[in-house]
Amino acid sequence: MAYSDNSPAGKVVQGILSDLPGLMAVAVVDVTSGMSLASHSNSPAINPDTAAAYNTEVVKQKQKAMSALKLQGEKIEDILISLSNQSHLLKLTDNGTKFIYLVVNSRDTNLAIAREVLRDHVSQLN
């Protein structure tokens, strides 16, 4: 399936699709609103726009926990959620205002490569 969206978020989704064609789903998400700015799914079972809203809450709760623990000088780089057959990775921008949400099959995708792909693309959102 071709994906075309020339916004910065759309270009990030296109780039990740190019680098990880076997991904299950990907979205670029605004942390403040929980809205997906661009998304794509290769799996009818996963709606990345719905998942974006729920995963925004995960990010916000972790930010609150860090604040409560007074973890100054620290920032969230990524959050990994490991399921039985899937890995869900949330990679935040340096300023923490957006994140890339990626779902891959944990048996088919090397997690280190997936993290590197997200690291390469997240800088385009800053």
PDB file of N, CA and C in Angstrom:
ATOM      1  N   MET A   1       0.848  -1.187   0.000  1.00  0.00           N
ATOM      2  CA  MET A   1       0.000   0.000   0.000  1.00  0.00           C
ATOM      3  C   MET A   1       0.888   1.242   0.000  1.00  0.00           C
ATOM      4  N   ALA A   2       0.662   2.134  -0.887  1.00  0.00           N
ATOM      5  CA  ALA A   2       1.438   3.371  -0.955  1.00  0.00           C
ATOM      6  C   ALA A   2       0.920   4.351   0.089  1.00  0.00           C
ATOM      7  N   TYR A   3       1.842   5.113   0.654  1.00  0.00           N
ATOM      8  CA  TYR A   3       1.470   6.111   1.640  1.00  0.00           C
ATOM      9  C   TYR A   3       1.984   7.446   1.142  1.00  0.00           C
ATOM     10  N   SER A   4       1.097   8.437   1.042  1.00  0.00           N
ATOM     11  CA  SER A   4       1.563   9.741   0.584  1.00  0.00           C
ATOM     12  C   SER A   4       0.974  10.836   1.449  1.00  0.00           C
ATOM     13  N   ASP A   5       1.840  11.543   2.112  1.00  0.00           N
ATOM     14  CA  ASP A   5       1.496  12.678   2.953  1.00  0.00           C
ATOM     15  C   ASP A   5       2.796  13.469   3.059  1.00  0.00           C
ATOM     16  N   ASN A   6       2.790  14.676   2.549  1.00  0.00           N
ATOM     17  CA  ASN A   6       4.035  15.448   2.497  1.00  0.00           C
ATOM     18  C   ASN A   6       4.299  16.299   3.729  1.00  0.00           C
ATOM     19  N   SER A   7       3.482  16.138   4.772  1.00  0.00           N
ATOM     20  CA  SER A   7       3.761  16.836   6.025  1.00  0.00           C
ATOM     21  C   SER A   7       5.013  16.225   6.651  1.00  0.00           C
ATOM     22  N   PRO A   8       5.654  16.926   7.592  1.00  0.00           N
ATOM     23  CA  PRO A   8       6.819  16.316   8.271  1.00  0.00           C
ATOM     24  C   PRO A   8       6.470  14.964   8.892  1.00  0.00           C
ATOM     25  N   ALA A   9       5.310  14.860   9.538  1.00  0.00           N
ATOM     26  CA  ALA A   9       4.902  13.590  10.147  1.00  0.00           C
ATOM     27  C   ALA A   9       4.685  12.525   9.069  1.00  0.00           C
ATOM     28  N   GLY A  10       4.070  12.912   7.961  1.00  0.00           N
ATOM     29  CA  GLY A  10       3.853  11.977   6.858  1.00  0.00           C
ATOM     30  C   GLY A  10       5.152  11.473   6.271  1.00  0.00           C
ATOM     31  N   LYS A  11       6.137  12.358   6.151  1.00  0.00           N
ATOM     32  CA  LYS A  11       7.446  11.959   5.627  1.00  0.00           C
ATOM     33  C   LYS A  11       8.144  10.982   6.581  1.00  0.00           C
ATOM     34  N   VAL A  12       7.967  11.188   7.881  1.00  0.00           N
ATOM     35  CA  VAL A  12       8.545  10.266   8.862  1.00  0.00           C
ATOM     36  C   VAL A  12       7.906   8.889   8.722  1.00  0.00           C
ATOM     37  N   VAL A  13       6.578   8.844   8.603  1.00  0.00           N
ATOM     38  CA  VAL A  13       5.887   7.569   8.426  1.00  0.00           C
ATOM     39  C   VAL A  13       6.371   6.885   7.145  1.00  0.00           C
ATOM     40  N   GLN A  14       6.490   7.644   6.060  1.00  0.00           N
ATOM     41  CA  GLN A  14       6.987   7.080   4.790  1.00  0.00           C
ATOM     42  C   GLN A  14       8.388   6.505   4.961  1.00  0.00           C
ATOM     43  N   GLY A  15       9.260   7.239   5.631  1.00  0.00           N
ATOM     44  CA  GLY A  15      10.632   6.781   5.835  1.00  0.00           C
ATOM     45  C   GLY A  15      10.708   5.508   6.650  1.00  0.00           C
ATOM     46  N   ILE A  16       9.902   5.428   7.707  1.00  0.00           N
ATOM     47  CA  ILE A  16       9.900   4.237   8.550  1.00  0.00           C
ATOM     48  C   ILE A  16       9.336   3.044   7.768  1.00  0.00           C
ATOM     49  N   LEU A  17       8.285   3.274   6.978  1.00  0.00           N
ATOM     50  CA  LEU A  17       7.740   2.208   6.128  1.00  0.00           C
ATOM     51  C   LEU A  17       8.791   1.694   5.151  1.00  0.00           C
ATOM     52  N   SER A  18       9.586   2.590   4.636  1.00  0.00           N
ATOM     53  CA  SER A  18      10.643   2.209   3.702  1.00  0.00           C
ATOM     54  C   SER A  18      11.721   1.370   4.404  1.00  0.00           C
ATOM     55  N   ASP A  19      12.073   1.766   5.632  1.00  0.00           N
ATOM     56  CA  ASP A  19      13.135   1.078   6.374  1.00  0.00           C
ATOM     57  C   ASP A  19      12.670  -0.210   7.058  1.00  0.00           C
ATOM     58  N   LEU A  20      11.393  -0.257   7.440  1.00  0.00           N
ATOM     59  CA  LEU A  20      10.828  -1.429   8.127  1.00  0.00           C
ATOM     60  C   LEU A  20       9.523  -1.856   7.431  1.00  0.00           C
ATOM     61  N   PRO A  21       9.613  -2.368   6.203  1.00  0.00           N
ATOM     62  CA  PRO A  21       8.394  -2.679   5.452  1.00  0.00           C
ATOM     63  C   PRO A  21       7.504  -3.726   6.124  1.00  0.00           C
ATOM     64  N   GLY A  22       8.049  -4.540   7.004  1.00  0.00           N
ATOM     65  CA  GLY A  22       7.269  -5.579   7.666  1.00  0.00           C
ATOM     66  C   GLY A  22       6.581  -5.126   8.943  1.00  0.00           C
ATOM     67  N   LEU A  23       6.631  -3.821   9.233  1.00  0.00           N
ATOM     68  CA  LEU A  23       6.003  -3.341  10.468  1.00  0.00           C
ATOM     69  C   LEU A  23       4.512  -3.620  10.460  1.00  0.00           C
ATOM     70  N   MET A  24       3.925  -3.663  11.638  1.00  0.00           N
ATOM     71  CA  MET A  24       2.480  -3.887  11.743  1.00  0.00           C
ATOM     72  C   MET A  24       1.725  -2.562  11.700  1.00  0.00           C
ATOM     73  N   ALA A  25       2.263  -1.545  12.395  1.00  0.00           N
ATOM     74  CA  ALA A  25       1.622  -0.226  12.405  1.00  0.00           C
ATOM     75  C   ALA A  25       2.634   0.817  12.859  1.00  0.00           C
ATOM     76  N   VAL A  26       2.372   2.061  12.441  1.00  0.00           N
ATOM     77  CA  VAL A  26       3.223   3.178  12.839  1.00  0.00           C
ATOM     78  C   VAL A  26       2.364   4.439  12.868  1.00  0.00           C
ATOM     79  N   ALA A  27       2.691   5.331  13.796  1.00  0.00           N
ATOM     80  CA  ALA A  27       1.997   6.620  13.875  1.00  0.00           C
ATOM     81  C   ALA A  27       2.941   7.656  14.461  1.00  0.00           C
ATOM     82  N   VAL A  28       2.755   8.887  14.046  1.00  0.00           N
ATOM     83  CA  VAL A  28       3.420  10.027  14.673  1.00  0.00           C
ATOM     84  C   VAL A  28       2.330  10.715  15.488  1.00  0.00           C
ATOM     85  N   VAL A  29       2.621  10.950  16.772  1.00  0.00           N
ATOM     86  CA  VAL A  29       1.582  11.369  17.709  1.00  0.00           C
ATOM     87  C   VAL A  29       1.970  12.654  18.430  1.00  0.00           C
ATOM     88  N   ASP A  30       0.997  13.543  18.587  1.00  0.00           N
ATOM     89  CA  ASP A  30       1.162  14.763  19.377  1.00  0.00           C
ATOM     90  C   ASP A  30       0.838  14.426  20.834  1.00  0.00           C
ATOM     91  N   VAL A  31       1.796  14.656  21.738  1.00  0.00           N
ATOM     92  CA  VAL A  31       1.611  14.291  23.143  1.00  0.00           C
ATOM     93  C   VAL A  31       0.516  15.122  23.809  1.00  0.00           C
ATOM     94  N   THR A  32       0.424  16.399  23.476  1.00  0.00           N
ATOM     95  CA  THR A  32      -0.556  17.269  24.133  1.00  0.00           C
ATOM     96  C   THR A  32      -1.989  16.821  23.849  1.00  0.00           C
ATOM     97  N   SER A  33      -2.296  16.550  22.591  1.00  0.00           N
ATOM     98  CA  SER A  33      -3.673  16.224  22.204  1.00  0.00           C
ATOM     99  C   SER A  33      -3.954  14.724  22.135  1.00  0.00           C
ATOM    100  N   GLY A  34      -2.914  13.920  21.971  1.00  0.00           N
ATOM    101  CA  GLY A  34      -3.105  12.487  21.763  1.00  0.00           C
ATOM    102  C   GLY A  34      -3.507  12.140  20.347  1.00  0.00           C
ATOM    103  N   MET A  35      -3.504  13.149  19.478  1.00  0.00           N
ATOM    104  CA  MET A  35      -3.908  12.945  18.088  1.00  0.00           C
ATOM    105  C   MET A  35      -2.754  12.400  17.256  1.00  0.00           C
ATOM    106  N   SER A  36      -3.114  11.513  16.354  1.00  0.00           N
ATOM    107  CA  SER A  36      -2.161  11.001  15.387  1.00  0.00           C
ATOM    108  C   SER A  36      -2.006  12.040  14.276  1.00  0.00           C
ATOM    109  N   LEU A  37      -0.767  12.426  13.982  1.00  0.00           N
ATOM    110  CA  LEU A  37      -0.493  13.405  12.928  1.00  0.00           C
ATOM    111  C   LEU A  37      -0.344  12.733  11.560  1.00  0.00           C
ATOM    112  N   ALA A  38       0.052  11.476  11.592  1.00  0.00           N
ATOM    113  CA  ALA A  38       0.168  10.640  10.389  1.00  0.00           C
ATOM    114  C   ALA A  38       0.265   9.205  10.879  1.00  0.00           C
ATOM    115  N   SER A  39      -0.299   8.279  10.116  1.00  0.00           N
ATOM    116  CA  SER A  39      -0.251   6.884  10.559  1.00  0.00           C
ATOM    117  C   SER A  39      -0.392   5.943   9.368  1.00  0.00           C
ATOM    118  N   HIS A  40      -0.047   4.684   9.625  1.00  0.00           N
ATOM    119  CA  HIS A  40      -0.198   3.634   8.617  1.00  0.00           C
ATOM    120  C   HIS A  40      -0.293   2.299   9.354  1.00  0.00           C
ATOM    121  N   SER A  41      -1.114   1.403   8.841  1.00  0.00           N
ATOM    122  CA  SER A  41      -1.213   0.065   9.415  1.00  0.00           C
ATOM    123  C   SER A  41      -1.158  -0.973   8.307  1.00  0.00           C
ATOM    124  N   ASN A  42      -0.363  -2.008   8.527  1.00  0.00           N
ATOM    125  CA  ASN A  42      -0.331  -3.165   7.630  1.00  0.00           C
ATOM    126  C   ASN A  42      -1.175  -4.298   8.194  1.00  0.00           C
ATOM    127  N   SER A  43      -1.817  -4.046   9.334  1.00  0.00           N
ATOM    128  CA  SER A  43      -2.606  -5.070  10.009  1.00  0.00           C
ATOM    129  C   SER A  43      -4.019  -4.558  10.254  1.00  0.00           C
ATOM    130  N   PRO A  44      -5.031  -5.260   9.734  1.00  0.00           N
ATOM    131  CA  PRO A  44      -6.410  -4.801   9.957  1.00  0.00           C
ATOM    132  C   PRO A  44      -6.803  -4.833  11.434  1.00  0.00           C
ATOM    133  N   ALA A  45      -6.062  -5.575  12.249  1.00  0.00           N
ATOM    134  CA  ALA A  45      -6.382  -5.687  13.672  1.00  0.00           C
ATOM    135  C   ALA A  45      -5.892  -4.484  14.483  1.00  0.00           C
ATOM    136  N   ILE A  46      -5.047  -3.656  13.902  1.00  0.00           N
ATOM    137  CA  ILE A  46      -4.463  -2.540  14.657  1.00  0.00           C
ATOM    138  C   ILE A  46      -4.867  -1.217  14.023  1.00  0.00           C
ATOM    139  N   ASN A  47      -5.549  -0.379  14.811  1.00  0.00           N
ATOM    140  CA  ASN A  47      -5.861   0.984  14.396  1.00  0.00           C
ATOM    141  C   ASN A  47      -4.867   1.900  15.100  1.00  0.00           C
ATOM    142  N   PRO A  48      -3.855   2.377  14.380  1.00  0.00           N
ATOM    143  CA  PRO A  48      -2.811   3.177  15.042  1.00  0.00           C
ATOM    144  C   PRO A  48      -3.323   4.503  15.599  1.00  0.00           C
ATOM    145  N   ASP A  49      -4.406   5.031  15.033  1.00  0.00           N
ATOM    146  CA  ASP A  49      -4.945   6.299  15.536  1.00  0.00           C
ATOM    147  C   ASP A  49      -5.578   6.108  16.920  1.00  0.00           C
ATOM    148  N   THR A  50      -6.292   5.016  17.100  1.00  0.00           N
ATOM    149  CA  THR A  50      -6.865   4.700  18.412  1.00  0.00           C
ATOM    150  C   THR A  50      -5.746   4.400  19.413  1.00  0.00           C
ATOM    151  N   ALA A  51      -4.786   3.595  18.990  1.00  0.00           N
ATOM    152  CA  ALA A  51      -3.670   3.247  19.872  1.00  0.00           C
ATOM    153  C   ALA A  51      -2.881   4.489  20.277  1.00  0.00           C
ATOM    154  N   ALA A  52      -2.779   5.455  19.373  1.00  0.00           N
ATOM    155  CA  ALA A  52      -2.041   6.690  19.671  1.00  0.00           C
ATOM    156  C   ALA A  52      -2.615   7.395  20.890  1.00  0.00           C
ATOM    157  N   ALA A  53      -3.939   7.482  20.945  1.00  0.00           N
ATOM    158  CA  ALA A  53      -4.578   8.169  22.070  1.00  0.00           C
ATOM    159  C   ALA A  53      -4.278   7.465  23.392  1.00  0.00           C
ATOM    160  N   TYR A  54      -4.371   6.158  23.407  1.00  0.00           N
ATOM    161  CA  TYR A  54      -4.101   5.411  24.642  1.00  0.00           C
ATOM    162  C   TYR A  54      -2.623   5.472  25.029  1.00  0.00           C
ATOM    163  N   ASN A  55      -1.750   5.378  24.054  1.00  0.00           N
ATOM    164  CA  ASN A  55      -0.323   5.424  24.362  1.00  0.00           C
ATOM    165  C   ASN A  55       0.141   6.811  24.789  1.00  0.00           C
ATOM    166  N   THR A  56      -0.595   7.841  24.402  1.00  0.00           N
ATOM    167  CA  THR A  56      -0.300   9.181  24.900  1.00  0.00           C
ATOM    168  C   THR A  56      -0.442   9.206  26.416  1.00  0.00           C
ATOM    169  N   GLU A  57      -1.434   8.488  26.936  1.00  0.00           N
ATOM    170  CA  GLU A  57      -1.619   8.423  28.391  1.00  0.00           C
ATOM    171  C   GLU A  57      -0.447   7.723  29.071  1.00  0.00           C
ATOM    172  N   VAL A  58       0.113   6.699  28.422  1.00  0.00           N
ATOM    173  CA  VAL A  58       1.294   6.018  28.957  1.00  0.00           C
ATOM    174  C   VAL A  58       2.441   7.025  29.094  1.00  0.00           C
ATOM    175  N   VAL A  59       2.653   7.816  28.049  1.00  0.00           N
ATOM    176  CA  VAL A  59       3.729   8.814  28.058  1.00  0.00           C
ATOM    177  C   VAL A  59       3.484   9.848  29.152  1.00  0.00           C
ATOM    178  N   LYS A  60       2.263  10.363  29.229  1.00  0.00           N
ATOM    179  CA  LYS A  60       1.951  11.395  30.228  1.00  0.00           C
ATOM    180  C   LYS A  60       2.119  10.865  31.653  1.00  0.00           C
ATOM    181  N   GLN A  61       1.705   9.637  31.903  1.00  0.00           N
ATOM    182  CA  GLN A  61       1.847   9.066  33.245  1.00  0.00           C
ATOM    183  C   GLN A  61       3.318   8.871  33.600  1.00  0.00           C
ATOM    184  N   LYS A  62       4.132   8.461  32.656  1.00  0.00           N
ATOM    185  CA  LYS A  62       5.565   8.300  32.920  1.00  0.00           C
ATOM    186  C   LYS A  62       6.201   9.659  33.193  1.00  0.00           C
ATOM    187  N   GLN A  63       5.775  10.692  32.455  1.00  0.00           N
ATOM    188  CA  GLN A  63       6.290  12.036  32.706  1.00  0.00           C
ATOM    189  C   GLN A  63       5.909  12.497  34.115  1.00  0.00           C
ATOM    190  N   LYS A  64       4.672  12.209  34.546  1.00  0.00           N
ATOM    191  CA  LYS A  64       4.237  12.566  35.906  1.00  0.00           C
ATOM    192  C   LYS A  64       5.049  11.814  36.953  1.00  0.00           C
ATOM    193  N   ALA A  65       5.298  10.536  36.711  1.00  0.00           N
ATOM    194  CA  ALA A  65       6.079   9.730  37.648  1.00  0.00           C
ATOM    195  C   ALA A  65       7.497  10.279  37.777  1.00  0.00           C
ATOM    196  N   MET A  66       8.085  10.667  36.661  1.00  0.00           N
ATOM    197  CA  MET A  66       9.437  11.227  36.697  1.00  0.00           C
ATOM    198  C   MET A  66       9.455  12.531  37.480  1.00  0.00           C
ATOM    199  N   SER A  67       8.427  13.338  37.314  1.00  0.00           N
ATOM    200  CA  SER A  67       8.320  14.591  38.043  1.00  0.00           C
ATOM    201  C   SER A  67       8.171  14.324  39.544  1.00  0.00           C
ATOM    202  N   ALA A  68       7.324  13.378  39.906  1.00  0.00           N
ATOM    203  CA  ALA A  68       7.103  13.036  41.316  1.00  0.00           C
ATOM    204  C   ALA A  68       8.372  12.491  41.968  1.00  0.00           C
ATOM    205  N   LEU A  69       9.179  11.790  41.183  1.00  0.00           N
ATOM    206  CA  LEU A  69      10.437  11.238  41.686  1.00  0.00           C
ATOM    207  C   LEU A  69      11.586  12.244  41.619  1.00  0.00           C
ATOM    208  N   LYS A  70      11.266  13.435  41.105  1.00  0.00           N
ATOM    209  CA  LYS A  70      12.254  14.514  40.971  1.00  0.00           C
ATOM    210  C   LYS A  70      13.494  14.049  40.186  1.00  0.00           C
ATOM    211  N   LEU A  71      13.238  13.410  39.071  1.00  0.00           N
ATOM    212  CA  LEU A  71      14.323  12.929  38.202  1.00  0.00           C
ATOM    213  C   LEU A  71      14.757  14.045  37.259  1.00  0.00           C
ATOM    214  N   GLN A  72      15.419  15.042  37.825  1.00  0.00           N
ATOM    215  CA  GLN A  72      15.842  16.184  37.026  1.00  0.00           C
ATOM    216  C   GLN A  72      17.024  15.807  36.145  1.00  0.00           C
ATOM    217  N   GLY A  73      17.064  16.411  34.967  1.00  0.00           N
ATOM    218  CA  GLY A  73      18.135  16.118  34.026  1.00  0.00           C
ATOM    219  C   GLY A  73      17.898  14.843  33.235  1.00  0.00           C
ATOM    220  N   GLU A  74      16.785  14.185  33.492  1.00  0.00           N
ATOM    221  CA  GLU A  74      16.435  12.966  32.761  1.00  0.00           C
ATOM    222  C   GLU A  74      15.282  13.270  31.809  1.00  0.00           C
ATOM    223  N   LYS A  75      15.258  12.545  30.694  1.00  0.00           N
ATOM    224  CA  LYS A  75      14.132  12.656  29.775  1.00  0.00           C
ATOM    225  C   LYS A  75      13.840  11.268  29.231  1.00  0.00           C
ATOM    226  N   ILE A  76      12.596  11.060  28.841  1.00  0.00           N
ATOM    227  CA  ILE A  76      12.210   9.773  28.271  1.00  0.00           C
ATOM    228  C   ILE A  76      12.749   9.723  26.840  1.00  0.00           C
ATOM    229  N   GLU A  77      13.521   8.696  26.541  1.00  0.00           N
ATOM    230  CA  GLU A  77      13.973   8.497  25.165  1.00  0.00           C
ATOM    231  C   GLU A  77      12.994   7.591  24.437  1.00  0.00           C
ATOM    232  N   ASP A  78      12.709   6.441  25.034  1.00  0.00           N
ATOM    233  CA  ASP A  78      11.704   5.562  24.448  1.00  0.00           C
ATOM    234  C   ASP A  78      11.075   4.702  25.529  1.00  0.00           C
ATOM    235  N   ILE A  79       9.938   4.135  25.199  1.00  0.00           N
ATOM    236  CA  ILE A  79       9.206   3.229  26.082  1.00  0.00           C
ATOM    237  C   ILE A  79       8.928   1.981  25.270  1.00  0.00           C
ATOM    238  N   LEU A  80       9.281   0.827  25.829  1.00  0.00           N
ATOM    239  CA  LEU A  80       9.058  -0.445  25.152  1.00  0.00           C
ATOM    240  C   LEU A  80       7.984  -1.226  25.903  1.00  0.00           C
ATOM    241  N   ILE A  81       6.989  -1.677  25.172  1.00  0.00           N
ATOM    242  CA  ILE A  81       5.949  -2.535  25.733  1.00  0.00           C
ATOM    243  C   ILE A  81       6.032  -3.849  24.971  1.00  0.00           C
ATOM    244  N   SER A  82       6.398  -4.909  25.692  1.00  0.00           N
ATOM    245  CA  SER A  82       6.556  -6.225  25.067  1.00  0.00           C
ATOM    246  C   SER A  82       5.321  -7.072  25.329  1.00  0.00           C
ATOM    247  N   LEU A  83       4.664  -7.483  24.256  1.00  0.00           N
ATOM    248  CA  LEU A  83       3.520  -8.383  24.346  1.00  0.00           C
ATOM    249  C   LEU A  83       3.973  -9.789  23.944  1.00  0.00           C
ATOM    250  N   SER A  84       3.083 -10.733  23.968  1.00  0.00           N
ATOM    251  CA  SER A  84       3.445 -12.116  23.626  1.00  0.00           C
ATOM    252  C   SER A  84       4.086 -12.219  22.245  1.00  0.00           C
ATOM    253  N   ASN A  85       3.477 -11.548  21.249  1.00  0.00           N
ATOM    254  CA  ASN A  85       3.953 -11.663  19.875  1.00  0.00           C
ATOM    255  C   ASN A  85       4.307 -10.339  19.231  1.00  0.00           C
ATOM    256  N   GLN A  86       4.160  -9.249  19.978  1.00  0.00           N
ATOM    257  CA  GLN A  86       4.395  -7.920  19.413  1.00  0.00           C
ATOM    258  C   GLN A  86       5.276  -7.094  20.339  1.00  0.00           C
ATOM    259  N   SER A  87       5.985  -6.163  19.730  1.00  0.00           N
ATOM    260  CA  SER A  87       6.700  -5.136  20.474  1.00  0.00           C
ATOM    261  C   SER A  87       6.099  -3.798  20.081  1.00  0.00           C
ATOM    262  N   HIS A  88       5.750  -2.990  21.079  1.00  0.00           N
ATOM    263  CA  HIS A  88       5.224  -1.646  20.867  1.00  0.00           C
ATOM    264  C   HIS A  88       6.283  -0.692  21.385  1.00  0.00           C
ATOM    265  N   LEU A  89       6.777   0.163  20.515  1.00  0.00           N
ATOM    266  CA  LEU A  89       7.854   1.069  20.867  1.00  0.00           C
ATOM    267  C   LEU A  89       7.383   2.501  20.691  1.00  0.00           C
ATOM    268  N   LEU A  90       7.588   3.312  21.724  1.00  0.00           N
ATOM    269  CA  LEU A  90       7.257   4.732  21.676  1.00  0.00           C
ATOM    270  C   LEU A  90       8.560   5.505  21.777  1.00  0.00           C
ATOM    271  N   LYS A  91       8.902   6.224  20.724  1.00  0.00           N
ATOM    272  CA  LYS A  91      10.148   6.993  20.666  1.00  0.00           C
ATOM    273  C   LYS A  91       9.800   8.468  20.703  1.00  0.00           C
ATOM    274  N   LEU A  92      10.218   9.162  21.764  1.00  0.00           N
ATOM    275  CA  LEU A  92       9.881  10.568  21.938  1.00  0.00           C
ATOM    276  C   LEU A  92      10.888  11.494  21.267  1.00  0.00           C
ATOM    277  N   THR A  93      10.405  12.659  20.852  1.00  0.00           N
ATOM    278  CA  THR A  93      11.298  13.707  20.348  1.00  0.00           C
ATOM    279  C   THR A  93      12.081  14.254  21.526  1.00  0.00           C
ATOM    280  N   ASP A  94      13.163  14.976  21.243  1.00  0.00           N
ATOM    281  CA  ASP A  94      14.006  15.532  22.306  1.00  0.00           C
ATOM    282  C   ASP A  94      13.220  16.433  23.254  1.00  0.00           C
ATOM    283  N   ASN A  95      12.280  17.197  22.716  1.00  0.00           N
ATOM    284  CA  ASN A  95      11.515  18.114  23.562  1.00  0.00           C
ATOM    285  C   ASN A  95      10.276  17.453  24.176  1.00  0.00           C
ATOM    286  N   GLY A  96      10.012  16.189  23.848  1.00  0.00           N
ATOM    287  CA  GLY A  96       8.922  15.440  24.460  1.00  0.00           C
ATOM    288  C   GLY A  96       7.522  15.823  24.014  1.00  0.00           C
ATOM    289  N   THR A  97       7.399  16.563  22.906  1.00  0.00           N
ATOM    290  CA  THR A  97       6.077  17.008  22.466  1.00  0.00           C
ATOM    291  C   THR A  97       5.415  16.049  21.469  1.00  0.00           C
ATOM    292  N   LYS A  98       6.200  15.166  20.870  1.00  0.00           N
ATOM    293  CA  LYS A  98       5.677  14.198  19.909  1.00  0.00           C
ATOM    294  C   LYS A  98       6.381  12.862  20.142  1.00  0.00           C
ATOM    295  N   PHE A  99       5.747  11.805  19.639  1.00  0.00           N
ATOM    296  CA  PHE A  99       6.428  10.514  19.664  1.00  0.00           C
ATOM    297  C   PHE A  99       6.009   9.689  18.453  1.00  0.00           C
ATOM    298  N   ILE A 100       6.887   8.757  18.113  1.00  0.00           N
ATOM    299  CA  ILE A 100       6.585   7.784  17.070  1.00  0.00           C
ATOM    300  C   ILE A 100       6.139   6.520  17.779  1.00  0.00           C
ATOM    301  N   TYR A 101       5.006   5.992  17.356  1.00  0.00           N
ATOM    302  CA  TYR A 101       4.462   4.745  17.892  1.00  0.00           C
ATOM    303  C   TYR A 101       4.664   3.679  16.830  1.00  0.00           C
ATOM    304  N   LEU A 102       5.370   2.619  17.179  1.00  0.00           N
ATOM    305  CA  LEU A 102       5.679   1.551  16.232  1.00  0.00           C
ATOM    306  C   LEU A 102       5.247   0.217  16.802  1.00  0.00           C
ATOM    307  N   VAL A 103       4.587  -0.591  15.982  1.00  0.00           N
ATOM    308  CA  VAL A 103       4.212  -1.957  16.363  1.00  0.00           C
ATOM    309  C   VAL A 103       4.869  -2.905  15.365  1.00  0.00           C
ATOM    310  N   VAL A 104       5.619  -3.859  15.899  1.00  0.00           N
ATOM    311  CA  VAL A 104       6.265  -4.865  15.053  1.00  0.00           C
ATOM    312  C   VAL A 104       5.997  -6.248  15.641  1.00  0.00           C
ATOM    313  N   ASN A 105       6.087  -7.246  14.789  1.00  0.00           N
ATOM    314  CA  ASN A 105       6.024  -8.631  15.245  1.00  0.00           C
ATOM    315  C   ASN A 105       7.358  -8.930  15.909  1.00  0.00           C
ATOM    316  N   SER A 106       7.335  -9.333  17.176  1.00  0.00           N
ATOM    317  CA  SER A 106       8.579  -9.513  17.920  1.00  0.00           C
ATOM    318  C   SER A 106       9.412 -10.686  17.408  1.00  0.00           C
ATOM    319  N   ARG A 107       8.789 -11.585  16.684  1.00  0.00           N
ATOM    320  CA  ARG A 107       9.549 -12.721  16.143  1.00  0.00           C
ATOM    321  C   ARG A 107      10.216 -12.381  14.809  1.00  0.00           C
ATOM    322  N   ASP A 108       9.659 -11.411  14.097  1.00  0.00           N
ATOM    323  CA  ASP A 108      10.148 -11.093  12.752  1.00  0.00           C
ATOM    324  C   ASP A 108      11.058  -9.873  12.703  1.00  0.00           C
ATOM    325  N   THR A 109      11.112  -9.095  13.771  1.00  0.00           N
ATOM    326  CA  THR A 109      11.828  -7.820  13.734  1.00  0.00           C
ATOM    327  C   THR A 109      12.885  -7.770  14.822  1.00  0.00           C
ATOM    328  N   ASN A 110      14.076  -7.376  14.446  1.00  0.00           N
ATOM    329  CA  ASN A 110      15.157  -7.167  15.399  1.00  0.00           C
ATOM    330  C   ASN A 110      14.898  -5.849  16.122  1.00  0.00           C
ATOM    331  N   LEU A 111      14.744  -5.900  17.435  1.00  0.00           N
ATOM    332  CA  LEU A 111      14.404  -4.716  18.218  1.00  0.00           C
ATOM    333  C   LEU A 111      15.479  -3.634  18.115  1.00  0.00           C
ATOM    334  N   ALA A 112      16.731  -4.020  18.089  1.00  0.00           N
ATOM    335  CA  ALA A 112      17.819  -3.039  17.983  1.00  0.00           C
ATOM    336  C   ALA A 112      17.726  -2.283  16.657  1.00  0.00           C
ATOM    337  N   ILE A 113      17.408  -2.974  15.591  1.00  0.00           N
ATOM    338  CA  ILE A 113      17.260  -2.318  14.285  1.00  0.00           C
ATOM    339  C   ILE A 113      16.051  -1.387  14.300  1.00  0.00           C
ATOM    340  N   ALA A 114      14.944  -1.848  14.871  1.00  0.00           N
ATOM    341  CA  ALA A 114      13.741  -1.001  14.950  1.00  0.00           C
ATOM    342  C   ALA A 114      14.040   0.275  15.741  1.00  0.00           C
ATOM    343  N   ARG A 115      14.754   0.145  16.855  1.00  0.00           N
ATOM    344  CA  ARG A 115      15.110   1.325  17.658  1.00  0.00           C
ATOM    345  C   ARG A 115      15.996   2.286  16.867  1.00  0.00           C
ATOM    346  N   GLU A 116      16.929   1.741  16.125  1.00  0.00           N
ATOM    347  CA  GLU A 116      17.829   2.576  15.323  1.00  0.00           C
ATOM    348  C   GLU A 116      17.059   3.314  14.228  1.00  0.00           C
ATOM    349  N   VAL A 117      16.113   2.640  13.596  1.00  0.00           N
ATOM    350  CA  VAL A 117      15.280   3.275  12.563  1.00  0.00           C
ATOM    351  C   VAL A 117      14.513   4.445  13.183  1.00  0.00           C
ATOM    352  N   LEU A 118      13.913   4.236  14.342  1.00  0.00           N
ATOM    353  CA  LEU A 118      13.168   5.321  14.986  1.00  0.00           C
ATOM    354  C   LEU A 118      14.095   6.462  15.393  1.00  0.00           C
ATOM    355  N   ARG A 119      15.256   6.129  15.896  1.00  0.00           N
ATOM    356  CA  ARG A 119      16.238   7.157  16.275  1.00  0.00           C
ATOM    357  C   ARG A 119      16.615   8.001  15.060  1.00  0.00           C
ATOM    358  N   ASP A 120      16.774   7.357  13.917  1.00  0.00           N
ATOM    359  CA  ASP A 120      17.112   8.084  12.682  1.00  0.00           C
ATOM    360  C   ASP A 120      16.001   9.028  12.243  1.00  0.00           C
ATOM    361  N   HIS A 121      14.749   8.627  12.432  1.00  0.00           N
ATOM    362  CA  HIS A 121      13.624   9.400  11.905  1.00  0.00           C
ATOM    363  C   HIS A 121      13.034  10.413  12.875  1.00  0.00           C
ATOM    364  N   VAL A 122      13.179  10.204  14.178  1.00  0.00           N
ATOM    365  CA  VAL A 122      12.539  11.094  15.144  1.00  0.00           C
ATOM    366  C   VAL A 122      13.097  12.515  15.070  1.00  0.00           C
ATOM    367  N   SER A 123      14.347  12.662  14.676  1.00  0.00           N
ATOM    368  CA  SER A 123      14.963  13.999  14.609  1.00  0.00           C
ATOM    369  C   SER A 123      14.258  14.907  13.587  1.00  0.00           C
ATOM    370  N   GLN A 124      13.569  14.317  12.612  1.00  0.00           N
ATOM    371  CA  GLN A 124      12.844  15.107  11.612  1.00  0.00           C
ATOM    372  C   GLN A 124      11.607  15.793  12.204  1.00  0.00           C
ATOM    373  N   LEU A 125      11.234  15.393  13.421  1.00  0.00           N
ATOM    374  CA  LEU A 125      10.033  15.956  14.055  1.00  0.00           C
ATOM    375  C   LEU A 125      10.355  17.090  15.015  1.00  0.00           C
ATOM    376  N   ASN A 126      11.620  17.317  15.325  1.00  0.00           N
ATOM    377  CA  ASN A 126      11.991  18.358  16.294  1.00  0.00           C
ATOM    378  C   ASN A 126      11.810  19.744  15.729  1.00  0.00           C
TER     379      ASN A 126
END
